[in-house]
Every structure is written in structure tokens, then in C-alpha cells.
């Protein structure tokens, strides 16, 4: 394992862990670190570069390191995206092959949606940037999402969600036992 250190434009240093064979193949390129803020307030770190003239994929198009590593490992990436199994920790991106997997865009969206709970540490509680409040919601058995409300703190949102679930389960139990 080797480390590729990158700075973004603001000077933030990120270490990218690579397998030895990938470091030799990819460290020769000039990679850029892009930090994007998601709607839930979490960050998305992307390592990318512009393709050069004569490269496969076309001059000036963006190449992503995670995708290039999976392609070098023999994965066909057409219609797929690269997914980090373990998220970044303490400004370290683990781009070793064992930590990357190709997945479809729809699965990536589902994983990203489920990761919103990680930002708050509580399932069903997410930061709603537009209102600058915590939003509580529950996924219902029929596939719909029940919005519970907006709250000033994570604790209030988590309590409201827990209260809703207790009441919902009690109601379901009453319906099940009705007439018995």
C-alpha cells in the first residue's frame, strides 16, 4: 500500500491509499481533489483529472481515479459508478481495490439516501438545508415516506420519530387484535 497526498484549492490535505500496482500506474497523472457539499450537509470527496489528447475517452473529459482503478482491475464500468465500501475517515480516502466496488447509479442513489442517517447519527433524521432544521421521517411498509416534522435539534427530531413509531406499532397491534 502507498499513499498519494493531494491538496484542494483551499489547501486541505487528503491522503489517498492505493495498492502498489495502482500507485505506479496512476501517480504519474496530475490529480485534483474536489470537495462537494451534499444537500444533507455531508461532504463528497472526488479525485479527478482532465484527460489528455490521445487518451481513451477523449481530450478534456474528466477521469475519476476510483473508476480508473476499477477499469484497470478488469471491471467493465459502462453504466456503472465506483463506490467506496468504507467512507473517508480523518481526511484519508481508501482507494485500494478491496475497498472499491462497481455499482449501478440507482443503487448508488439508494446508498447515498440511506447514508443521510449517518450525518445525524440517527436513522430517519436528516438536515434540511432549506429550512435549516432537522427533519424526521419514517419509511412506511407500503414504500411511502411519512414526514413527521422539522425540529431545531437532532434530539427533538429523534424523539418525535420514536414517538411516532411507538404509536404506529401500537395502532397496528390494536388492528391485528381487533375482534379477538
C-alpha atoms as a PDB file:
ATOM      1  CA  UNK A   1       0.000   0.000   0.000  1.00  0.00           C
ATOM      2  CA  UNK A   2       1.205   3.508  -0.847  1.00  0.00           C
ATOM      3  CA  UNK A   3      -0.129   6.989  -0.113  1.00  0.00           C
ATOM      4  CA  UNK A   4      -0.881   9.691  -2.674  1.00  0.00           C
ATOM      5  CA  UNK A   5      -1.244  13.085  -0.934  1.00  0.00           C
ATOM      6  CA  UNK A   6      -3.447  15.702  -2.600  1.00  0.00           C
ATOM      7  CA  UNK A   7      -4.362  19.318  -1.790  1.00  0.00           C
ATOM      8  CA  UNK A   8      -7.531  21.042  -2.865  1.00  0.00           C
ATOM      9  CA  UNK A   9      -7.588  24.721  -3.861  1.00  0.00           C
ATOM     10  CA  UNK A  10      -8.238  25.776  -0.255  1.00  0.00           C
ATOM     11  CA  UNK A  11      -5.104  23.927   0.871  1.00  0.00           C
ATOM     12  CA  UNK A  12      -6.818  20.983   2.578  1.00  0.00           C
ATOM     13  CA  UNK A  13      -4.616  17.868   2.520  1.00  0.00           C
ATOM     14  CA  UNK A  14      -6.174  14.472   1.790  1.00  0.00           C
ATOM     15  CA  UNK A  15      -4.271  11.189   1.720  1.00  0.00           C
ATOM     16  CA  UNK A  16      -5.425   8.611  -0.823  1.00  0.00           C
ATOM     17  CA  UNK A  17      -4.483   4.995  -0.083  1.00  0.00           C
ATOM     18  CA  UNK A  18      -3.606   2.997  -3.199  1.00  0.00           C
ATOM     19  CA  UNK A  19      -2.424  -0.544  -3.899  1.00  0.00           C
ATOM     20  CA  UNK A  20       1.212  -0.668  -5.032  1.00  0.00           C
ATOM     21  CA  UNK A  21       0.380  -1.516  -8.672  1.00  0.00           C
ATOM     22  CA  UNK A  22      -2.198   1.277  -8.853  1.00  0.00           C
ATOM     23  CA  UNK A  23       0.193   3.829  -7.335  1.00  0.00           C
ATOM     24  CA  UNK A  24       2.767   3.028 -10.007  1.00  0.00           C
ATOM     25  CA  UNK A  25       0.172   3.343 -12.774  1.00  0.00           C
ATOM     26  CA  UNK A  26      -1.739   6.417 -11.571  1.00  0.00           C
ATOM     27  CA  UNK A  27       0.678   8.602  -9.580  1.00  0.00           C
ATOM     28  CA  UNK A  28       2.157   9.924 -12.836  1.00  0.00           C
ATOM     29  CA  UNK A  29      -1.048  11.873 -13.557  1.00  0.00           C
ATOM     30  CA  UNK A  30      -1.932  15.254 -12.083  1.00  0.00           C
ATOM     31  CA  UNK A  31      -4.962  14.515  -9.892  1.00  0.00           C
ATOM     32  CA  UNK A  32      -7.211  17.156  -8.341  1.00  0.00           C
ATOM     33  CA  UNK A  33      -9.193  16.897  -5.145  1.00  0.00           C
ATOM     34  CA  UNK A  34     -12.742  18.231  -5.365  1.00  0.00           C
ATOM     35  CA  UNK A  35     -14.883  18.614  -2.261  1.00  0.00           C
ATOM     36  CA  UNK A  36     -18.596  18.864  -2.882  1.00  0.00           C
ATOM     37  CA  UNK A  37     -21.245  19.531  -0.240  1.00  0.00           C
ATOM     38  CA  UNK A  38     -24.297  17.317  -0.444  1.00  0.00           C
ATOM     39  CA  UNK A  39     -27.810  18.519   0.335  1.00  0.00           C
ATOM     40  CA  UNK A  40     -27.668  16.812   3.753  1.00  0.00           C
ATOM     41  CA  UNK A  41     -24.584  18.814   4.748  1.00  0.00           C
ATOM     42  CA  UNK A  42     -22.081  15.965   4.343  1.00  0.00           C
ATOM     43  CA  UNK A  43     -19.061  16.178   2.042  1.00  0.00           C
ATOM     44  CA  UNK A  44     -18.280  14.160  -1.037  1.00  0.00           C
ATOM     45  CA  UNK A  45     -14.586  13.882  -1.876  1.00  0.00           C
ATOM     46  CA  UNK A  46     -13.721  13.259  -5.524  1.00  0.00           C
ATOM     47  CA  UNK A  47     -10.297  12.622  -7.054  1.00  0.00           C
ATOM     48  CA  UNK A  48     -10.337  13.582 -10.739  1.00  0.00           C
ATOM     49  CA  UNK A  49      -8.243  14.826 -13.646  1.00  0.00           C
ATOM     50  CA  UNK A  50      -8.690  16.036 -17.205  1.00  0.00           C
ATOM     51  CA  UNK A  51      -7.861  13.506 -19.924  1.00  0.00           C
ATOM     52  CA  UNK A  52      -5.034  14.427 -22.290  1.00  0.00           C
ATOM     53  CA  UNK A  53      -5.014  14.440 -26.073  1.00  0.00           C
ATOM     54  CA  UNK A  54      -4.823  10.927 -27.473  1.00  0.00           C
ATOM     55  CA  UNK A  55      -6.159   9.247 -24.323  1.00  0.00           C
ATOM     56  CA  UNK A  56      -9.063   6.841 -24.498  1.00  0.00           C
ATOM     57  CA  UNK A  57     -12.244   8.648 -23.503  1.00  0.00           C
ATOM     58  CA  UNK A  58     -11.418  11.923 -25.222  1.00  0.00           C
ATOM     59  CA  UNK A  59      -9.357  15.005 -24.567  1.00  0.00           C
ATOM     60  CA  UNK A  60     -10.631  17.358 -21.889  1.00  0.00           C
ATOM     61  CA  UNK A  61     -13.130  14.871 -20.419  1.00  0.00           C
ATOM     62  CA  UNK A  62     -12.999  14.179 -16.701  1.00  0.00           C
ATOM     63  CA  UNK A  63     -11.415  10.955 -15.463  1.00  0.00           C
ATOM     64  CA  UNK A  64     -12.147   9.757 -11.923  1.00  0.00           C
ATOM     65  CA  UNK A  65      -9.446   7.846 -10.053  1.00  0.00           C
ATOM     66  CA  UNK A  66     -11.825   5.337  -8.433  1.00  0.00           C
ATOM     67  CA  UNK A  67     -13.338   4.452 -11.803  1.00  0.00           C
ATOM     68  CA  UNK A  68      -9.934   4.152 -13.477  1.00  0.00           C
ATOM     69  CA  UNK A  69      -8.729   1.788 -10.741  1.00  0.00           C
ATOM     70  CA  UNK A  70     -11.753  -0.478 -11.234  1.00  0.00           C
ATOM     71  CA  UNK A  71     -11.239  -0.440 -15.011  1.00  0.00           C
ATOM     72  CA  UNK A  72      -7.562  -1.376 -14.511  1.00  0.00           C
ATOM     73  CA  UNK A  73      -8.741  -4.267 -12.312  1.00  0.00           C
ATOM     74  CA  UNK A  74     -10.773  -5.567 -15.263  1.00  0.00           C
ATOM     75  CA  UNK A  75     -14.265  -4.275 -14.429  1.00  0.00           C
ATOM     76  CA  UNK A  76     -16.455  -3.042 -17.277  1.00  0.00           C
ATOM     77  CA  UNK A  77     -17.699   0.309 -15.973  1.00  0.00           C
ATOM     78  CA  UNK A  78     -20.180   1.192 -18.721  1.00  0.00           C
ATOM     79  CA  UNK A  79     -23.364   2.360 -16.964  1.00  0.00           C
ATOM     80  CA  UNK A  80     -21.781   1.842 -13.533  1.00  0.00           C
ATOM     81  CA  UNK A  81     -20.214   4.079 -10.910  1.00  0.00           C
ATOM     82  CA  UNK A  82     -17.426   3.381  -8.421  1.00  0.00           C
ATOM     83  CA  UNK A  83     -18.489   3.058  -4.787  1.00  0.00           C
ATOM     84  CA  UNK A  84     -16.283   3.279  -1.690  1.00  0.00           C
ATOM     85  CA  UNK A  85     -17.224   0.471   0.694  1.00  0.00           C
ATOM     86  CA  UNK A  86     -15.704   2.267   3.699  1.00  0.00           C
ATOM     87  CA  UNK A  87     -16.305   6.045   3.722  1.00  0.00           C
ATOM     88  CA  UNK A  88     -13.434   8.531   4.204  1.00  0.00           C
ATOM     89  CA  UNK A  89     -12.090   8.780   7.758  1.00  0.00           C
ATOM     90  CA  UNK A  90      -9.908  11.637   9.069  1.00  0.00           C
ATOM     91  CA  UNK A  91      -9.118  13.010   5.586  1.00  0.00           C
ATOM     92  CA  UNK A  92      -7.995   9.599   4.271  1.00  0.00           C
ATOM     93  CA  UNK A  93      -9.623   8.121   1.158  1.00  0.00           C
ATOM     94  CA  UNK A  94      -9.154   4.356   0.818  1.00  0.00           C
ATOM     95  CA  UNK A  95      -8.943   3.727  -2.936  1.00  0.00           C
ATOM     96  CA  UNK A  96      -7.434   0.251  -2.615  1.00  0.00           C
ATOM     97  CA  UNK A  97      -9.154  -2.283  -4.866  1.00  0.00           C
ATOM     98  CA  UNK A  98     -10.602  -4.176  -1.902  1.00  0.00           C
ATOM     99  CA  UNK A  99     -12.491  -1.017  -0.880  1.00  0.00           C
ATOM    100  CA  UNK A 100     -13.948  -0.173  -4.308  1.00  0.00           C
ATOM    101  CA  UNK A 101     -16.884  -1.827  -5.989  1.00  0.00           C
ATOM    102  CA  UNK A 102     -18.765  -1.082  -9.209  1.00  0.00           C
ATOM    103  CA  UNK A 103     -22.485  -0.468  -8.672  1.00  0.00           C
ATOM    104  CA  UNK A 104     -25.359   0.894 -10.739  1.00  0.00           C
ATOM    105  CA  UNK A 105     -26.355   4.544 -10.432  1.00  0.00           C
ATOM    106  CA  UNK A 106     -29.718   3.610  -8.886  1.00  0.00           C
ATOM    107  CA  UNK A 107     -28.042   1.562  -6.147  1.00  0.00           C
ATOM    108  CA  UNK A 108     -25.605   4.429  -5.594  1.00  0.00           C
ATOM    109  CA  UNK A 109     -28.562   6.775  -5.081  1.00  0.00           C
ATOM    110  CA  UNK A 110     -30.174   4.324  -2.634  1.00  0.00           C
ATOM    111  CA  UNK A 111     -26.916   4.008  -0.679  1.00  0.00           C
ATOM    112  CA  UNK A 112     -26.487   7.785  -0.635  1.00  0.00           C
ATOM    113  CA  UNK A 113     -30.070   8.206   0.626  1.00  0.00           C
ATOM    114  CA  UNK A 114     -29.519   5.660   3.380  1.00  0.00           C
ATOM    115  CA  UNK A 115     -26.239   7.354   4.337  1.00  0.00           C
ATOM    116  CA  UNK A 116     -28.081  10.568   5.206  1.00  0.00           C
ATOM    117  CA  UNK A 117     -28.848   9.000   8.583  1.00  0.00           C
ATOM    118  CA  UNK A 118     -25.110   8.712   9.195  1.00  0.00           C
ATOM    119  CA  UNK A 119     -24.781  12.503   9.120  1.00  0.00           C
ATOM    120  CA  UNK A 120     -27.121  12.831  12.091  1.00  0.00           C
ATOM    121  CA  UNK A 121     -26.268   9.504  13.685  1.00  0.00           C
ATOM    122  CA  UNK A 122     -29.980   8.679  13.819  1.00  0.00           C
ATOM    123  CA  UNK A 123     -31.994   6.753  11.240  1.00  0.00           C
ATOM    124  CA  UNK A 124     -34.775   8.847   9.718  1.00  0.00           C
ATOM    125  CA  UNK A 125     -33.314  12.180  10.860  1.00  0.00           C
ATOM    126  CA  UNK A 126     -31.650  14.404   8.275  1.00  0.00           C
ATOM    127  CA  UNK A 127     -30.562  18.021   7.983  1.00  0.00           C
ATOM    128  CA  UNK A 128     -32.914  20.016   5.754  1.00  0.00           C
ATOM    129  CA  UNK A 129     -30.794  22.868   4.460  1.00  0.00           C
ATOM    130  CA  UNK A 130     -33.636  24.962   3.030  1.00  0.00           C
ATOM    131  CA  UNK A 131     -35.313  25.334   6.451  1.00  0.00           C
ATOM    132  CA  UNK A 132     -32.057  24.971   8.402  1.00  0.00           C
ATOM    133  CA  UNK A 133     -33.757  22.435  10.664  1.00  0.00           C
ATOM    134  CA  UNK A 134     -33.654  18.713  11.371  1.00  0.00           C
ATOM    135  CA  UNK A 135     -36.263  16.692   9.517  1.00  0.00           C
ATOM    136  CA  UNK A 136     -37.799  13.494  10.947  1.00  0.00           C
ATOM    137  CA  UNK A 137     -39.398  10.934   8.661  1.00  0.00           C
ATOM    138  CA  UNK A 138     -40.268   7.230   8.546  1.00  0.00           C
ATOM    139  CA  UNK A 139     -40.270   4.767   5.654  1.00  0.00           C
ATOM    140  CA  UNK A 140     -43.639   3.020   5.708  1.00  0.00           C
ATOM    141  CA  UNK A 141     -44.227  -0.660   4.825  1.00  0.00           C
ATOM    142  CA  UNK A 142     -46.056   0.323   1.611  1.00  0.00           C
ATOM    143  CA  UNK A 143     -42.920   2.093   0.328  1.00  0.00           C
ATOM    144  CA  UNK A 144     -44.057   5.642   1.033  1.00  0.00           C
ATOM    145  CA  UNK A 145     -42.276   8.080   3.316  1.00  0.00           C
ATOM    146  CA  UNK A 146     -44.166   9.691   6.191  1.00  0.00           C
ATOM    147  CA  UNK A 147     -42.922  13.188   7.010  1.00  0.00           C
ATOM    148  CA  UNK A 148     -43.115  13.776  10.770  1.00  0.00           C
ATOM    149  CA  UNK A 149     -41.858  17.331  11.027  1.00  0.00           C
ATOM    150  CA  UNK A 150     -38.993  19.828  11.285  1.00  0.00           C
ATOM    151  CA  UNK A 151     -37.145  20.343  14.564  1.00  0.00           C
ATOM    152  CA  UNK A 152     -34.457  22.615  15.979  1.00  0.00           C
ATOM    153  CA  UNK A 153     -32.314  19.790  17.363  1.00  0.00           C
ATOM    154  CA  UNK A 154     -31.429  16.219  16.441  1.00  0.00           C
ATOM    155  CA  UNK A 155     -32.739  15.046  19.815  1.00  0.00           C
ATOM    156  CA  UNK A 156     -36.181  16.601  19.249  1.00  0.00           C
ATOM    157  CA  UNK A 157     -36.401  15.040  15.779  1.00  0.00           C
ATOM    158  CA  UNK A 158     -35.282  11.611  17.037  1.00  0.00           C
ATOM    159  CA  UNK A 159     -37.764  11.756  19.937  1.00  0.00           C
ATOM    160  CA  UNK A 160     -40.628  12.705  17.614  1.00  0.00           C
ATOM    161  CA  UNK A 161     -39.725   9.866  15.250  1.00  0.00           C
ATOM    162  CA  UNK A 162     -39.518   7.342  18.110  1.00  0.00           C
ATOM    163  CA  UNK A 163     -42.882   8.564  19.482  1.00  0.00           C
ATOM    164  CA  UNK A 164     -44.466   8.204  16.019  1.00  0.00           C
ATOM    165  CA  UNK A 165     -43.102   4.654  15.640  1.00  0.00           C
ATOM    166  CA  UNK A 166     -44.346   3.624  19.117  1.00  0.00           C
ATOM    167  CA  UNK A 167     -47.837   4.955  18.337  1.00  0.00           C
ATOM    168  CA  UNK A 168     -47.860   3.395  14.859  1.00  0.00           C
ATOM    169  CA  UNK A 169     -46.812  -0.032  16.193  1.00  0.00           C
ATOM    170  CA  UNK A 170     -49.416   0.156  18.984  1.00  0.00           C
ATOM    171  CA  UNK A 171     -52.093   1.003  16.405  1.00  0.00           C
ATOM    172  CA  UNK A 172     -51.020  -1.895  14.182  1.00  0.00           C
ATOM    173  CA  UNK A 173     -51.170  -4.236  17.186  1.00  0.00           C
ATOM    174  CA  UNK A 174     -54.680  -2.982  18.066  1.00  0.00           C
ATOM    175  CA  UNK A 175     -55.846  -3.530  14.490  1.00  0.00           C
ATOM    176  CA  UNK A 176     -54.349  -7.031  14.477  1.00  0.00           C
ATOM    177  CA  UNK A 177     -56.056  -7.927  17.782  1.00  0.00           C
ATOM    178  CA  UNK A 178     -59.422  -6.297  16.923  1.00  0.00           C
ATOM    179  CA  UNK A 179     -62.236  -8.799  17.285  1.00  0.00           C
ATOM    180  CA  UNK A 180     -60.154 -11.410  19.124  1.00  0.00           C
END
